[in-house]
């Protein structure tokens, strides 16, 4: 095969000829392949749909636990309190359980708290003692549910004033940044049927120092109509000199709550007796808690008999 000297005009004409042939043949070949279905469609490699399809997909996960507030419910019933909910750590649990035992008694706390690491702290843990003490004073059954932003009170109280007082107390303990839902209800007042003196309970004045059964709702110092009737029958026995009205409780709860409760009950009786005795008789209230039981507190009947008021003359 002879060499072609590309420096000559003939060589350049041959070069241009074959370039023209290639320029025509290649597009025709590509078009043929296209129609034969061999080539991919236009945009298959770089279309927006394919680019989106190749983009990584990030799955939506759960909210980090650290962003979820701790939540606790305290349920009081039958002299016991049940602690439930999800909290951050053992230290919070220990504090809640310790304060519950102080308010309700060591054997009257049911711990069903669940530790969930990363939960937010309980902003009101510093007020746990007062929170549980107040719950113990609400007649059972009662409950309190709380997290970092919402507190709900449930149960029944004797008066509208008591309901409002407990709502205000919750506001004081939990702070202004928390929503307080006061779901306490007020019990319907009892219908009192007028009766003569013969309808009053019979009281032996000589046994008052051992105590008289005065009815109080559980955990409350609110006198019932039945309790007032007993005090009405006791009033004639309290004559001359100075008298002490002593309050006594059963062993449900701790000394830290029972002693103040017994004193409140004695004070309620003193205030009621003053309505009939006036200033002629000096009356003093004392609270003994569960320190002077008459019975062993092993049954509901024996505990009821230990919840009493005693009356004794302390000076002539």
Protein backbone atom coordinates (compact mmCIF):
# COMPACT_ATOMS: atom_id res chain seq x y z
CA UNK A 1 0.00 0.00 0.00
CA UNK A 2 1.55 3.30 -1.16
CA UNK A 3 1.86 6.26 1.14
CA UNK A 4 -0.28 9.36 0.61
CA UNK A 5 1.48 12.61 1.08
CA UNK A 6 -1.09 14.64 3.04
CA UNK A 7 0.75 17.81 2.11
CA UNK A 8 -0.59 17.64 -1.45
CA UNK A 9 -3.99 19.05 -2.58
CA UNK A 10 -5.10 15.58 -3.69
CA UNK A 11 -4.59 14.19 -0.19
CA UNK A 12 -6.69 16.94 1.40
CA UNK A 13 -9.54 16.30 -1.03
CA UNK A 14 -9.51 12.55 -0.14
CA UNK A 15 -9.50 13.43 3.58
CA UNK A 16 -12.48 15.72 3.22
CA UNK A 17 -14.36 13.05 1.24
CA UNK A 18 -14.01 10.38 3.92
CA UNK A 19 -14.86 12.81 6.69
CA UNK A 20 -18.07 13.60 4.88
CA UNK A 21 -18.86 9.89 4.52
CA UNK A 22 -18.30 9.26 8.24
CA UNK A 23 -20.39 12.29 9.18
CA UNK A 24 -23.31 10.80 7.23
CA UNK A 25 -22.89 7.09 8.09
CA UNK A 26 -22.58 7.36 11.90
CA UNK A 27 -25.81 9.36 12.45
CA UNK A 28 -27.66 6.93 10.13
CA UNK A 29 -26.26 3.96 12.09
CA UNK A 30 -27.31 5.50 15.41
CA UNK A 31 -30.78 6.23 14.09
CA UNK A 32 -31.09 2.62 12.94
CA UNK A 33 -30.10 1.33 16.37
CA UNK A 34 -32.53 3.74 17.98
CA UNK A 35 -35.49 2.50 15.95
CA UNK A 36 -34.41 -1.07 16.54
CA UNK A 37 -34.77 -0.46 20.33
CA UNK A 38 -31.11 -0.95 21.12
CA UNK A 39 -30.45 2.58 22.49
CA UNK A 40 -32.01 3.77 25.80
CA UNK A 41 -34.57 6.57 25.64
CA UNK A 42 -33.41 10.16 25.84
CA UNK A 43 -32.89 11.35 29.43
CA UNK A 44 -32.75 7.84 30.88
CA UNK A 45 -29.43 8.53 32.56
CA UNK A 46 -29.90 12.07 33.73
CA UNK A 47 -33.62 12.87 33.97
CA UNK A 48 -34.90 14.62 37.15
CA UNK A 49 -36.97 11.54 38.00
CA UNK A 50 -33.90 9.29 37.95
CA UNK A 51 -31.83 11.79 39.88
CA UNK A 52 -34.57 11.90 42.56
CA UNK A 53 -34.74 8.11 42.56
CA UNK A 54 -31.00 7.89 43.23
CA UNK A 55 -31.13 10.44 46.08
CA UNK A 56 -30.71 8.86 49.54
CA UNK A 57 -33.93 8.39 51.54
CA UNK A 58 -33.79 9.39 55.20
CA UNK A 59 -36.33 7.50 57.30
CA UNK A 60 -38.26 9.51 59.89
CA UNK A 61 -37.36 8.18 63.34
CA UNK A 62 -39.00 8.64 66.75
CA UNK A 63 -38.64 11.89 68.69
CA UNK A 64 -35.46 11.70 70.76
CA UNK A 65 -36.27 10.52 74.29
CA UNK A 66 -34.58 13.59 75.76
CA UNK A 67 -37.39 15.73 74.31
CA UNK A 68 -40.12 13.75 76.08
CA UNK A 69 -41.15 14.95 79.54
CA UNK A 70 -41.38 12.68 82.55
CA UNK A 71 -44.95 11.92 83.61
CA UNK A 72 -46.26 10.67 86.94
CA UNK A 73 -49.66 9.73 88.36
CA UNK A 74 -50.32 9.40 92.09
CA UNK A 75 -53.47 7.43 92.98
CA UNK A 76 -54.77 7.31 96.55
CA UNK A 77 -57.23 4.56 97.53
CA UNK A 78 -57.90 2.36 100.57
CA UNK A 79 -55.21 4.09 102.60
CA UNK A 80 -52.52 3.35 100.01
CA UNK A 81 -50.93 5.34 97.22
CA UNK A 82 -49.85 3.93 93.86
CA UNK A 83 -47.04 5.65 91.96
CA UNK A 84 -47.13 5.15 88.20
CA UNK A 85 -45.51 6.76 85.17
CA UNK A 86 -42.24 7.20 83.27
CA UNK A 87 -39.37 9.07 84.86
CA UNK A 88 -35.73 9.74 84.06
CA UNK A 89 -33.70 8.00 86.75
CA UNK A 90 -33.53 6.07 90.00
CA UNK A 91 -32.81 9.20 92.00
CA UNK A 92 -36.20 10.66 91.07
CA UNK A 93 -37.88 7.36 91.89
CA UNK A 94 -36.20 7.16 95.30
CA UNK A 95 -37.31 10.70 96.17
CA UNK A 96 -40.94 10.07 95.15
CA UNK A 97 -41.11 6.75 97.00
CA UNK A 98 -39.52 8.24 100.14
CA UNK A 99 -41.99 11.12 100.25
CA UNK A 100 -44.93 8.80 99.54
CA UNK A 101 -43.90 6.61 102.49
CA UNK A 102 -43.65 9.67 104.68
CA UNK A 103 -47.19 10.75 103.76
CA UNK A 104 -48.96 7.37 103.61
CA UNK A 105 -46.76 5.05 105.68
CA UNK A 106 -43.96 2.65 104.73
CA UNK A 107 -46.24 -0.29 103.94
CA UNK A 108 -48.82 1.74 102.02
CA UNK A 109 -46.83 2.66 98.90
CA UNK A 110 -47.11 0.71 95.64
CA UNK A 111 -44.23 1.56 93.30
CA UNK A 112 -45.02 1.03 89.62
CA UNK A 113 -42.74 3.73 88.26
CA UNK A 114 -40.82 2.97 85.06
CA UNK A 115 -37.31 4.27 84.45
CA UNK A 116 -36.85 5.61 80.90
CA UNK A 117 -33.31 7.03 80.47
CA UNK A 118 -33.28 10.38 78.71
CA UNK A 119 -36.69 11.52 79.95
CA UNK A 120 -36.78 15.10 81.09
CA UNK A 121 -36.58 15.92 84.83
CA UNK A 122 -39.65 16.52 87.01
CA UNK A 123 -39.55 20.28 87.70
CA UNK A 124 -41.69 19.82 90.84
CA UNK A 125 -39.63 17.05 92.49
CA UNK A 126 -38.53 19.54 95.17
CA UNK A 127 -42.18 19.89 96.23
CA UNK A 128 -42.88 16.13 96.29
CA UNK A 129 -43.28 16.10 100.09
CA UNK A 130 -46.01 18.75 100.02
CA UNK A 131 -47.65 17.30 96.88
CA UNK A 132 -48.03 13.84 98.43
CA UNK A 133 -49.04 15.27 101.80
CA UNK A 134 -51.84 17.25 100.16
CA UNK A 135 -52.99 14.18 98.20
CA UNK A 136 -53.21 12.22 101.46
CA UNK A 137 -55.58 14.86 102.85
CA UNK A 138 -58.06 14.54 99.95
CA UNK A 139 -60.72 11.92 100.74
CA UNK A 140 -59.91 8.71 98.87
CA UNK A 141 -60.18 7.72 96.12
CA UNK A 142 -58.27 10.63 94.66
CA UNK A 143 -55.51 11.09 92.11
CA UNK A 144 -53.01 13.57 90.76
CA UNK A 145 -51.44 13.29 87.29
CA UNK A 146 -48.51 15.56 86.46
CA UNK A 147 -45.81 16.18 83.89
CA UNK A 148 -43.74 19.27 83.13
CA UNK A 149 -46.66 21.32 81.81
CA UNK A 150 -49.99 19.85 82.99
CA UNK A 151 -51.37 18.83 86.40
CA UNK A 152 -54.79 17.22 86.83
CA UNK A 153 -56.54 16.76 90.19
CA UNK A 154 -59.31 14.15 90.56
CA UNK A 155 -61.48 13.11 93.48
CA UNK A 156 -64.33 14.42 95.60
CA UNK A 157 -64.32 17.00 98.39
CA UNK A 158 -66.98 18.24 100.77
CA UNK A 159 -67.24 21.90 99.78
CA UNK A 160 -66.59 24.26 96.88
CA UNK A 161 -64.22 26.21 99.14
CA UNK A 162 -62.16 23.07 99.69
CA UNK A 163 -62.01 22.47 95.93
CA UNK A 164 -60.82 26.02 95.25
CA UNK A 165 -58.30 25.86 98.08
CA UNK A 166 -56.74 22.69 96.69
CA UNK A 167 -56.58 24.15 93.20
CA UNK A 168 -54.79 27.22 94.56
CA UNK A 169 -52.47 24.98 96.56
CA UNK A 170 -51.56 23.04 93.40
CA UNK A 171 -50.82 26.33 91.64
CA UNK A 172 -48.49 27.28 94.50
CA UNK A 173 -46.62 23.95 94.42
CA UNK A 174 -46.31 23.48 90.65
CA UNK A 175 -45.81 27.09 89.55
CA UNK A 176 -47.42 29.48 87.08
CA UNK A 177 -45.89 27.83 84.00
CA UNK A 178 -48.00 24.68 84.54
CA UNK A 179 -51.66 24.30 83.52
CA UNK A 180 -53.77 23.19 86.51
CA UNK A 181 -56.93 21.20 85.71
CA UNK A 182 -59.00 21.11 88.90
CA UNK A 183 -61.14 18.03 88.30
CA UNK A 184 -62.20 17.73 91.94
CA UNK A 185 -65.94 17.40 92.40
CA UNK A 186 -68.04 18.60 95.31
CA UNK A 187 -70.15 15.96 97.00
CA UNK A 188 -73.88 16.62 97.06
CA UNK A 189 -74.94 17.86 100.50
CA UNK A 190 -76.78 15.37 102.65
CA UNK A 191 -80.45 15.97 103.31
CA UNK A 192 -80.93 16.47 107.03
CA UNK A 193 -84.26 15.37 108.46
CA UNK A 194 -85.27 17.31 111.54
CA UNK A 195 -85.46 15.07 114.56
CA UNK A 196 -86.15 15.43 118.26
CA UNK A 197 -83.63 14.93 121.07
CA UNK A 198 -84.41 11.21 121.18
CA UNK A 199 -82.73 10.83 117.75
CA UNK A 200 -79.30 11.95 119.08
CA UNK A 201 -76.72 9.22 119.80
CA UNK A 202 -76.70 8.12 123.42
CA UNK A 203 -73.44 9.10 125.12
CA UNK A 204 -72.18 7.93 128.51
CA UNK A 205 -70.42 10.99 129.93
CA UNK A 206 -68.23 8.76 132.07
CA UNK A 207 -66.59 7.13 129.04
CA UNK A 208 -65.58 10.29 127.17
CA UNK A 209 -61.96 9.98 128.27
CA UNK A 210 -61.73 6.71 126.31
CA UNK A 211 -63.03 8.43 123.24
CA UNK A 212 -66.11 8.92 121.15
CA UNK A 213 -66.51 7.87 117.54
CA UNK A 214 -66.69 11.07 115.49
CA UNK A 215 -67.12 10.45 111.78
CA UNK A 216 -64.58 12.06 109.43
CA UNK A 217 -63.95 11.27 105.76
CA UNK A 218 -60.65 9.44 105.22
CA UNK A 219 -57.75 11.89 105.36
CA UNK A 220 -60.07 14.82 106.11
CA UNK A 221 -60.85 17.04 109.10
CA UNK A 222 -64.29 18.02 107.73
CA UNK A 223 -67.07 17.17 110.19
CA UNK A 224 -69.92 15.13 108.73
CA UNK A 225 -73.55 15.50 109.80
CA UNK A 226 -73.23 12.26 111.79
CA UNK A 227 -70.14 13.60 113.55
CA UNK A 228 -71.92 16.83 114.44
CA UNK A 229 -74.80 14.81 115.87
CA UNK A 230 -72.37 12.98 118.19
CA UNK A 231 -70.86 16.28 119.32
CA UNK A 232 -74.35 17.64 120.00
CA UNK A 233 -74.94 14.70 122.34
CA UNK A 234 -71.54 15.19 124.00
CA UNK A 235 -72.02 18.92 124.65
CA UNK A 236 -74.15 18.42 127.83
CA UNK A 237 -71.32 16.35 129.34
CA UNK A 238 -68.78 19.16 129.03
CA UNK A 239 -69.49 21.42 131.96
CA UNK A 240 -67.31 23.58 134.17
CA UNK A 241 -63.61 24.22 133.94
CA UNK A 242 -61.24 23.56 131.06
CA UNK A 243 -61.33 20.58 128.72
CA UNK A 244 -58.96 19.00 126.24
CA UNK A 245 -60.31 17.55 123.00
CA UNK A 246 -57.78 15.01 121.75
CA UNK A 247 -57.64 13.73 118.18
CA UNK A 248 -56.58 10.15 117.42
CA UNK A 249 -56.03 8.30 114.11
CA UNK A 250 -55.39 4.76 112.98
CA UNK A 251 -51.97 3.67 111.66
CA UNK A 252 -52.75 4.22 107.98
CA UNK A 253 -50.27 6.89 106.96
CA UNK A 254 -47.16 8.12 108.75
CA UNK A 255 -46.66 10.09 111.96
CA UNK A 256 -45.76 13.15 109.87
CA UNK A 257 -49.28 13.22 108.43
CA UNK A 258 -51.37 11.55 111.13
CA UNK A 259 -50.38 13.87 113.97
CA UNK A 260 -51.31 17.10 112.11
CA UNK A 261 -54.49 15.42 110.85
CA UNK A 262 -55.53 14.40 114.36
CA UNK A 263 -54.95 17.96 115.57
CA UNK A 264 -57.06 19.39 112.74
CA UNK A 265 -59.91 17.05 113.66
CA UNK A 266 -59.70 18.06 117.31
CA UNK A 267 -59.74 21.73 116.30
CA UNK A 268 -62.81 21.12 114.12
CA UNK A 269 -64.61 19.61 117.12
CA UNK A 270 -63.55 22.48 119.40
CA UNK A 271 -64.85 25.08 116.95
CA UNK A 272 -68.16 23.23 116.61
CA UNK A 273 -68.62 22.83 120.38
CA UNK A 274 -67.97 26.52 120.91
CA UNK A 275 -71.14 27.23 118.96
CA UNK A 276 -73.19 25.66 121.77
CA UNK A 277 -70.89 26.17 124.79
CA UNK A 278 -69.79 29.70 124.04
CA UNK A 279 -67.00 31.12 126.19
CA UNK A 280 -68.27 29.60 129.42
CA UNK A 281 -66.10 26.51 128.93
CA UNK A 282 -62.42 26.58 127.97
CA UNK A 283 -61.66 24.08 125.19
CA UNK A 284 -58.18 23.12 124.01
CA UNK A 285 -57.29 20.89 121.03
CA UNK A 286 -54.49 18.31 121.01
CA UNK A 287 -53.37 15.86 118.32
CA UNK A 288 -52.02 12.43 119.26
CA UNK A 289 -51.94 10.78 115.84
CA UNK A 290 -51.77 6.99 116.12
CA UNK A 291 -49.70 7.00 119.31
CA UNK A 292 -52.52 5.89 121.67
CA UNK A 293 -54.48 3.11 119.92
CA UNK A 294 -57.27 1.27 121.74
CA UNK A 295 -57.12 -1.65 119.29
CA UNK A 296 -54.44 -3.33 117.16
CA UNK A 297 -55.24 -1.72 113.76
CA UNK A 298 -55.27 -5.11 112.00
CA UNK A 299 -58.83 -4.84 110.67
CA UNK A 300 -60.93 -2.06 109.23
CA UNK A 301 -63.25 -2.33 112.23
CA UNK A 302 -60.41 -1.88 114.74
CA UNK A 303 -58.92 0.99 112.74
CA UNK A 304 -62.31 2.73 112.69
CA UNK A 305 -62.49 2.50 116.51
CA UNK A 306 -59.03 4.04 116.80
CA UNK A 307 -60.15 7.06 114.75
CA UNK A 308 -61.73 8.93 117.62
CA UNK A 309 -61.85 12.07 119.76
CA UNK A 310 -61.26 11.98 123.50
CA UNK A 311 -62.55 14.50 126.03
CA UNK A 312 -60.99 15.10 129.41
CA UNK A 313 -61.16 17.81 132.00
CA UNK A 314 -57.74 19.41 132.56
CA UNK A 315 -58.72 22.03 135.17
CA UNK A 316 -61.69 22.98 137.34
